[in-house]
Protein backbone atom coordinates (compact mmCIF):
# COMPACT_ATOMS: atom_id res chain seq x y z
CA MET A 1 0.08 -0.03 -0.12
CA ALA A 2 1.30 3.47 -0.90
CA ILE A 3 1.13 6.39 1.47
CA ALA A 4 0.60 9.79 0.07
CA LEU A 5 2.40 12.55 1.69
CA ARG A 6 1.10 16.16 1.75
CA ALA A 7 3.58 18.94 0.87
CA GLU A 8 1.57 21.48 3.21
CA PRO A 9 -0.05 21.10 6.49
CA LEU A 10 -3.69 20.54 6.69
CA LEU A 11 -5.46 23.84 6.82
CA PRO A 12 -8.84 24.81 7.67
CA ASP A 13 -11.20 25.50 4.74
CA CYS A 14 -11.15 29.08 3.49
CA ARG A 15 -14.84 29.60 2.61
CA PRO A 16 -15.60 33.16 4.13
CA VAL A 17 -19.15 34.05 4.63
CA GLY A 18 -19.67 37.94 4.74
CA LEU A 19 -17.48 40.93 4.10
CA LYS A 20 -15.59 40.67 7.26
CA ALA A 21 -14.60 37.15 6.73
CA GLN A 22 -13.21 38.14 3.37
CA PHE A 23 -10.59 40.27 4.80
CA ALA A 24 -9.51 37.25 6.99
CA CYS A 25 -9.35 34.83 4.10
CA PRO A 26 -10.14 36.43 0.71
CA ASP A 27 -11.73 33.80 -1.67
CA GLY A 28 -13.18 33.81 -5.24
CA LEU A 29 -13.93 36.76 -7.29
CA PHE A 30 -14.87 38.95 -4.33
CA GLY A 31 -11.46 37.77 -2.58
CA ARG A 32 -9.51 38.99 -5.67
CA VAL A 33 -11.13 42.41 -5.28
CA ILE A 34 -10.62 42.44 -1.51
CA GLY A 35 -6.84 41.56 -2.14
CA ARG A 36 -6.42 44.52 -4.38
CA LEU A 37 -8.32 46.75 -1.97
CA MET A 38 -5.91 45.64 0.93
CA GLY A 39 -2.94 46.23 -1.42
CA LEU A 40 -4.07 50.10 -1.56
CA LYS A 41 -5.46 50.48 1.98
CA ASN A 42 -2.59 48.88 3.78
CA TRP A 43 0.49 50.14 1.88
CA LYS A 44 1.38 52.94 4.15
CA LEU A 45 1.36 50.98 7.21
CA ASN A 46 3.33 48.15 5.34
CA ARG A 47 5.99 50.52 4.00
CA PHE A 48 6.20 52.18 7.70
CA GLY A 49 6.90 48.63 9.12
CA LEU A 50 9.38 47.88 6.45
CA ASP A 51 11.36 50.98 7.03
CA ILE A 52 11.34 50.26 10.71
CA ALA A 53 12.74 46.76 9.97
CA ARG A 54 15.79 48.14 8.29
CA ILE A 55 15.97 45.24 5.87
CA GLN A 56 19.57 44.40 4.72
CA PRO A 57 20.45 43.16 1.31
CA ASP A 58 21.09 39.51 2.27
CA GLU A 59 17.91 39.21 4.52
CA HIS A 60 16.22 35.89 4.87
CA ALA A 61 12.69 37.31 5.64
CA LEU A 62 9.34 35.58 6.06
CA GLU A 63 5.90 37.46 5.88
CA ILE A 64 2.95 36.01 7.56
CA GLY A 65 -0.43 36.89 6.14
CA PHE A 66 1.05 38.45 2.80
CA ALA A 67 -2.27 38.88 1.17
CA HIS A 68 -1.84 40.67 -2.12
CA GLY A 69 2.11 40.43 -1.87
CA ARG A 70 2.87 44.10 -2.33
CA ALA A 71 4.98 44.14 0.98
CA LEU A 72 6.76 40.85 -0.24
CA GLN A 73 7.56 42.58 -3.38
CA GLU A 74 9.15 45.51 -1.47
CA ILE A 75 11.18 43.23 0.79
CA ALA A 76 12.69 41.42 -2.30
CA ARG A 77 13.43 44.79 -3.77
CA ARG A 78 15.47 45.75 -0.51
CA ALA A 79 17.05 42.39 -0.15
CA PRO A 80 18.37 41.80 -3.45
CA ASP A 81 20.86 39.18 -2.30
CA GLY A 82 18.42 37.62 0.11
CA PHE A 83 15.72 35.15 0.29
CA ILE A 84 11.91 35.88 0.96
CA ALA A 85 9.17 33.68 1.85
CA GLY A 86 5.44 33.93 2.79
CA VAL A 87 2.62 32.14 4.22
CA ASP A 88 -1.10 32.96 3.79
CA ILE A 89 -4.13 31.00 4.61
CA SER A 90 -5.94 31.97 1.40
CA GLY A 91 -5.35 30.26 -1.72
CA GLU A 92 -6.60 33.35 -3.58
CA MET A 93 -3.88 35.54 -2.06
CA VAL A 94 -1.31 32.88 -2.61
CA ALA A 95 -2.22 33.06 -6.30
CA GLN A 96 -2.41 36.73 -6.41
CA ALA A 97 0.95 37.26 -4.82
CA SER A 98 2.50 34.65 -6.87
CA GLN A 99 1.44 36.43 -10.12
CA ARG A 100 2.87 39.50 -8.64
CA MET A 101 6.21 37.79 -7.63
CA ARG A 102 6.57 35.47 -10.64
CA HIS A 103 9.85 36.65 -11.65
CA GLU A 104 11.35 36.36 -8.21
CA ILE A 105 9.78 32.92 -7.63
CA SER A 106 11.30 31.52 -10.98
CA CYS A 107 14.54 32.85 -9.76
CA GLY A 108 14.32 30.96 -6.59
CA ARG A 109 14.48 33.98 -4.59
CA VAL A 110 10.78 33.86 -3.32
CA ASP A 111 8.85 30.94 -1.91
CA LEU A 112 5.06 31.57 -1.18
CA LYS A 113 2.93 28.82 0.54
CA ARG A 114 -0.45 28.33 1.94
CA GLY A 115 -0.31 28.07 5.70
CA THR A 116 -0.66 29.51 9.06
CA ALA A 117 1.39 31.27 11.63
CA THR A 118 1.06 28.24 14.10
CA ALA A 119 2.32 25.84 11.57
CA LEU A 120 5.01 27.38 9.31
CA PRO A 121 5.98 25.29 6.42
CA PHE A 122 9.61 26.19 6.59
CA PRO A 123 12.57 24.97 8.58
CA ASN A 124 13.38 26.36 12.07
CA GLU A 125 15.89 29.14 12.26
CA GLN A 126 15.65 29.98 8.51
CA PHE A 127 14.75 33.47 8.86
CA THR A 128 16.54 36.69 10.18
CA LEU A 129 13.40 38.78 9.89
CA VAL A 130 9.58 37.84 10.37
CA PHE A 131 7.22 40.46 9.11
CA SER A 132 3.36 40.66 9.51
CA ALA A 133 1.15 43.75 9.34
CA ASN A 134 -2.77 43.77 9.74
CA SER A 135 -2.95 39.88 10.23
CA LEU A 136 -2.20 39.04 13.94
CA HIS A 137 -5.96 39.61 14.68
CA HIS A 138 -6.97 36.94 12.10
CA TRP A 139 -4.54 34.38 13.34
CA GLU A 140 -6.24 31.22 14.90
CA SER A 141 -3.87 31.44 17.96
CA PRO A 142 -1.85 34.66 18.20
CA GLU A 143 0.11 33.04 21.13
CA GLY A 144 0.74 29.86 19.23
CA GLY A 145 1.95 31.99 16.14
CA LEU A 146 4.23 34.05 18.21
CA HIS A 147 5.77 30.86 19.74
CA GLU A 148 6.30 29.30 16.36
CA ILE A 149 8.38 32.19 15.07
CA SER A 150 10.34 32.65 18.25
């Protein structure tokens, strides 16, 4: 008997009901619109956080809850010799950010996965920086996520 191995952890279904849930886990056509809206609305806060982070050219950075991928793109720009990864629970946001970052992904500089803060699909101690903006309140367990990244 063959045993199938899953590449990603088992994740909760992402089937939001209502507008508020779409911001936690964008899905479908409405989720694509929400992702773009978040890209515009959250950019000032994301840029402020990235400025504070003082990203180094060889940074190995992880963004949790990357949504549209605009901050990931900026991290990759600021860390041309680094490695950038991201996890987001929404398959729609993984697809949107993957399209935005297709060149960096094809070069092996960026790796985006569907995942959660409490079960990161990356090896321990791989990152020198962990970034997240406007997502902690959506995490299933903020304490568990903070423990996972520490």
